[in-house]
Amino acid sequence: MPTLSPAGIFREHEVHRCEILVIGSGPGGSVTAWTLASQGKDVLLLEEGPHLPLSSCVPFSIDEMRQKYRSGGMNPALGKPTIPFVEACCAGGGSEINSGMYHRTPEEVLDVWRTQFQVQYLEMEDLLPHFEACESALCVQLDPGKPPGAATKMRTGADKMGWKSREIPKWFKYQKGAIRQRKVSRPTPVNDRNSNSACYGARMPIHDSGACRATPTEK
């Protein structure tokens, strides 16, 4: 099993040599680096921000914004309409701060890529094993509990408007009947749809998942 080595903070004038340099440790960079390393390549994964565990702060909190967002989440947005823009600045990138929503590439998009860019092996059956591997590593699943109030209202509104709606899977790990061990992690409790037991959900950041293992290595 290949491993990625968190080398710590680089000092000025330090020289590091590698075969392939990957800049950014978000989902794209981490998986790219891990895949190349698994093929025997000498890979250096470079990340600007700190490496922090999920338990370092309460998810979706002010502390998380201070620790893991670029500029504390206070990036300016220009133009009209004004669209709030946030960006991660930590190991794991966007997987550390987003809601973990997951989509498979739609078949109509794959059709465009095959025809317009002449990319081979982009049929859904070609990609299905890769989708399933990602979903298994990241614990992608539907919420096992009752939908929260906001989601229920959104579905009710969509039904009244005649719009289609569906639940989006997330890369969350749920533990049925789990008891909170730490206040700081504060998992999200939901009621199991099939029982009165509680399920606690925690986001699965990319560097904590099986998709990309970041552990020290010796050279």
Protein backbone atom coordinates (compact mmCIF):
# COMPACT_ATOMS: atom_id res chain seq x y z
CA MET A 1 0.00 0.00 0.00
CA PRO A 2 1.58 3.31 -1.01
CA THR A 3 1.79 6.04 1.57
CA LEU A 4 2.07 9.80 1.39
CA SER A 5 4.45 11.43 3.81
CA PRO A 6 3.45 14.66 5.57
CA ALA A 7 6.87 16.31 5.56
CA GLY A 8 5.90 19.19 7.83
CA ILE A 9 6.76 22.82 7.22
CA PHE A 10 9.25 23.59 4.48
CA ARG A 11 11.94 26.10 5.35
CA GLU A 12 13.20 28.79 3.04
CA HIS A 13 15.92 27.58 0.66
CA GLU A 14 15.13 23.91 1.40
CA VAL A 15 15.56 21.71 -1.65
CA HIS A 16 13.31 18.71 -2.25
CA ARG A 17 13.60 16.54 -5.33
CA CYS A 18 10.83 14.36 -6.70
CA GLU A 19 9.68 12.79 -9.92
CA ILE A 20 6.22 14.36 -9.77
CA LEU A 21 5.06 17.41 -7.81
CA VAL A 22 1.35 17.72 -7.01
CA ILE A 23 0.25 21.12 -5.72
CA GLY A 24 -2.80 21.11 -3.46
CA SER A 25 -4.00 18.30 -1.17
CA GLY A 26 -7.73 18.53 -1.86
CA PRO A 27 -9.70 15.62 -3.32
CA GLY A 28 -8.17 16.06 -6.78
CA GLY A 29 -4.58 16.49 -5.65
CA SER A 30 -4.66 13.80 -2.96
CA VAL A 31 -6.16 11.12 -5.18
CA THR A 32 -3.81 12.04 -8.04
CA ALA A 33 -0.77 11.84 -5.76
CA TRP A 34 -1.92 8.56 -4.20
CA THR A 35 -2.61 6.99 -7.59
CA LEU A 36 0.81 7.98 -8.95
CA ALA A 37 2.54 6.78 -5.77
CA SER A 38 0.72 3.45 -6.07
CA GLN A 39 2.38 3.05 -9.48
CA GLY A 40 5.83 3.48 -7.98
CA LYS A 41 6.31 7.16 -8.78
CA ASP A 42 8.26 9.43 -6.43
CA VAL A 43 5.57 11.97 -5.57
CA LEU A 44 5.71 15.12 -3.46
CA LEU A 45 2.34 16.54 -2.41
CA LEU A 46 2.60 20.24 -1.55
CA GLU A 47 0.01 21.94 0.66
CA GLU A 48 0.04 25.55 1.86
CA GLY A 49 -2.19 25.10 4.89
CA PRO A 50 -1.82 23.13 8.14
CA HIS A 51 -2.59 19.45 8.67
CA LEU A 52 -5.38 19.34 11.24
CA PRO A 53 -7.55 16.45 12.49
CA LEU A 54 -11.31 16.66 12.09
CA SER A 55 -11.56 16.80 15.88
CA SER A 56 -9.58 20.06 16.06
CA CYS A 57 -12.84 22.03 15.90
CA VAL A 58 -16.60 21.66 15.65
CA PRO A 59 -17.61 21.02 12.01
CA PHE A 60 -19.33 23.97 10.29
CA SER A 61 -18.37 26.32 13.14
CA ILE A 62 -16.65 29.70 13.45
CA ASP A 63 -13.57 27.90 14.77
CA GLU A 64 -13.47 25.77 11.63
CA MET A 65 -13.60 28.90 9.49
CA ARG A 66 -10.70 30.41 11.41
CA GLN A 67 -8.61 27.23 11.25
CA LYS A 68 -9.29 25.82 7.80
CA TYR A 69 -10.69 28.53 5.51
CA ARG A 70 -8.51 30.90 3.52
CA SER A 71 -8.69 34.35 5.10
CA GLY A 72 -11.12 32.98 7.67
CA GLY A 73 -13.75 32.62 4.95
CA MET A 74 -13.74 36.38 4.29
CA ASN A 75 -12.73 36.39 0.62
CA PRO A 76 -14.08 39.37 -1.34
CA ALA A 77 -16.43 38.74 -4.26
CA LEU A 78 -16.52 41.07 -7.24
CA GLY A 79 -19.14 41.58 -9.93
CA LYS A 80 -22.91 41.24 -10.14
CA PRO A 81 -24.55 39.29 -8.73
CA THR A 82 -22.27 39.09 -5.70
CA ILE A 83 -21.58 35.43 -4.98
CA PRO A 84 -19.93 34.49 -1.68
CA PHE A 85 -16.70 32.61 -2.32
CA VAL A 86 -14.94 30.42 0.21
CA GLU A 87 -11.78 28.36 -0.18
CA ALA A 88 -10.03 25.89 2.07
CA CYS A 89 -6.44 26.41 3.19
CA CYS A 90 -5.52 23.17 4.96
CA ALA A 91 -4.58 19.57 4.30
CA GLY A 92 -7.53 17.89 2.64
CA GLY A 93 -8.66 21.07 0.90
CA GLY A 94 -12.34 21.37 0.10
CA SER A 95 -13.14 17.98 1.62
CA GLU A 96 -12.42 19.54 5.04
CA ILE A 97 -14.94 22.37 4.79
CA ASN A 98 -17.71 21.37 2.40
CA SER A 99 -20.89 19.41 3.06
CA GLY A 100 -19.53 16.24 1.48
CA MET A 101 -22.08 16.09 -1.34
CA TYR A 102 -21.27 13.44 -3.94
CA HIS A 103 -22.30 13.03 -7.58
CA ARG A 104 -21.38 10.49 -10.20
CA THR A 105 -20.55 12.09 -13.54
CA PRO A 106 -23.86 12.15 -15.49
CA GLU A 107 -24.04 10.04 -18.63
CA GLU A 108 -24.85 13.09 -20.79
CA VAL A 109 -21.62 14.75 -19.63
CA LEU A 110 -19.65 11.61 -20.43
CA ASP A 111 -21.22 11.64 -23.89
CA VAL A 112 -19.93 15.18 -24.49
CA TRP A 113 -16.44 14.30 -23.27
CA ARG A 114 -16.30 11.22 -25.51
CA THR A 115 -17.47 13.01 -28.65
CA GLN A 116 -16.08 16.53 -28.24
CA PHE A 117 -12.73 15.59 -26.72
CA GLN A 118 -12.45 12.08 -28.19
CA VAL A 119 -11.74 10.45 -24.83
CA GLN A 120 -11.87 6.68 -24.84
CA TYR A 121 -13.18 4.38 -22.10
CA LEU A 122 -15.67 6.88 -20.70
CA GLU A 123 -18.74 4.69 -20.87
CA MET A 124 -20.62 4.40 -17.59
CA GLU A 125 -19.69 0.72 -17.35
CA ASP A 126 -16.00 1.68 -17.71
CA LEU A 127 -16.17 4.12 -14.80
CA LEU A 128 -18.53 2.16 -12.54
CA PRO A 129 -15.75 0.25 -10.70
CA HIS A 130 -13.96 3.55 -10.03
CA PHE A 131 -17.13 5.23 -8.78
CA GLU A 132 -17.83 2.30 -6.48
CA ALA A 133 -14.25 2.30 -5.14
CA CYS A 134 -14.48 6.01 -4.29
CA GLU A 135 -17.89 5.57 -2.68
CA SER A 136 -16.64 2.69 -0.55
CA ALA A 137 -13.49 4.51 0.57
CA LEU A 138 -15.39 7.70 1.46
CA CYS A 139 -18.46 6.00 3.00
CA VAL A 140 -20.74 7.72 0.47
CA GLN A 141 -24.34 7.06 1.47
CA LEU A 142 -27.76 8.54 1.99
CA ASP A 143 -28.68 9.90 5.41
CA PRO A 144 -29.96 6.89 7.40
CA GLY A 145 -32.09 9.13 9.61
CA LYS A 146 -35.17 11.25 9.11
CA PRO A 147 -34.59 14.27 6.85
CA PRO A 148 -33.89 17.49 8.78
CA GLY A 149 -36.52 20.22 8.80
CA ALA A 150 -34.92 22.32 6.05
CA ALA A 151 -34.68 19.32 3.71
CA THR A 152 -38.30 18.39 4.40
CA LYS A 153 -39.48 21.91 3.60
CA MET A 154 -37.44 21.96 0.39
CA ARG A 155 -38.97 18.68 -0.76
CA THR A 156 -42.47 19.87 0.13
CA GLY A 157 -41.92 23.08 -1.83
CA ALA A 158 -40.53 21.21 -4.83
CA ASP A 159 -43.55 18.89 -4.84
CA LYS A 160 -45.95 21.82 -4.79
CA MET A 161 -44.08 23.49 -7.66
CA GLY A 162 -44.07 20.27 -9.65
CA TRP A 163 -40.27 20.09 -9.56
CA LYS A 164 -38.24 16.92 -9.26
CA SER A 165 -36.17 16.52 -6.10
CA ARG A 166 -33.97 13.84 -4.67
CA GLU A 167 -31.60 13.35 -1.76
CA ILE A 168 -27.92 13.81 -2.59
CA PRO A 169 -25.52 11.22 -1.10
CA LYS A 170 -22.75 12.51 1.15
CA TRP A 171 -19.37 11.24 2.23
CA PHE A 172 -20.49 10.91 5.83
CA LYS A 173 -19.81 8.09 8.24
CA TYR A 174 -22.75 7.20 10.49
CA GLN A 175 -22.59 5.19 13.67
CA LYS A 176 -25.86 3.77 14.89
CA GLY A 177 -26.32 4.21 18.61
CA ALA A 178 -22.93 5.87 19.01
CA ILE A 179 -22.27 7.97 22.10
CA ARG A 180 -20.43 11.25 21.76
CA GLN A 181 -16.91 10.81 23.00
CA ARG A 182 -15.72 14.40 22.54
CA LYS A 183 -17.56 17.65 22.74
CA VAL A 184 -15.29 19.24 20.18
CA SER A 185 -16.21 16.85 17.37
CA ARG A 186 -19.96 17.26 17.94
CA PRO A 187 -21.32 14.72 15.41
CA THR A 188 -24.72 15.40 13.90
CA PRO A 189 -27.42 13.20 15.51
CA VAL A 190 -30.23 11.84 13.35
CA ASN A 191 -33.08 9.43 14.09
CA ASP A 192 -32.87 6.11 12.31
CA ARG A 193 -35.77 5.77 9.87
CA ASN A 194 -36.37 2.18 10.91
CA SER A 195 -35.99 2.47 14.67
CA ASN A 196 -35.76 4.86 17.59
CA SER A 197 -31.98 4.46 17.78
CA ALA A 198 -29.74 7.45 17.18
CA CYS A 199 -27.19 7.66 14.38
CA TYR A 200 -24.28 10.07 14.58
CA GLY A 201 -22.74 11.39 11.40
CA ALA A 202 -19.28 12.79 10.79
CA ARG A 203 -17.85 14.14 7.56
CA MET A 204 -15.12 12.02 5.96
CA PRO A 205 -12.22 14.30 4.96
CA ILE A 206 -10.08 12.97 2.14
CA HIS A 207 -6.92 12.44 4.21
CA ASP A 208 -8.83 10.37 6.81
CA SER A 209 -10.36 8.06 4.21
CA GLY A 210 -9.06 4.95 2.50
CA ALA A 211 -8.82 6.90 -0.75
CA CYS A 212 -5.67 8.66 0.40
CA ARG A 213 -3.63 7.55 3.39
CA ALA A 214 -1.24 10.16 4.72
CA THR A 215 1.20 8.40 7.03
CA PRO A 216 4.90 8.93 7.72
CA THR A 217 7.30 6.99 5.55
CA GLU A 218 11.02 6.34 5.68
CA LYS A 219 13.25 6.79 2.65
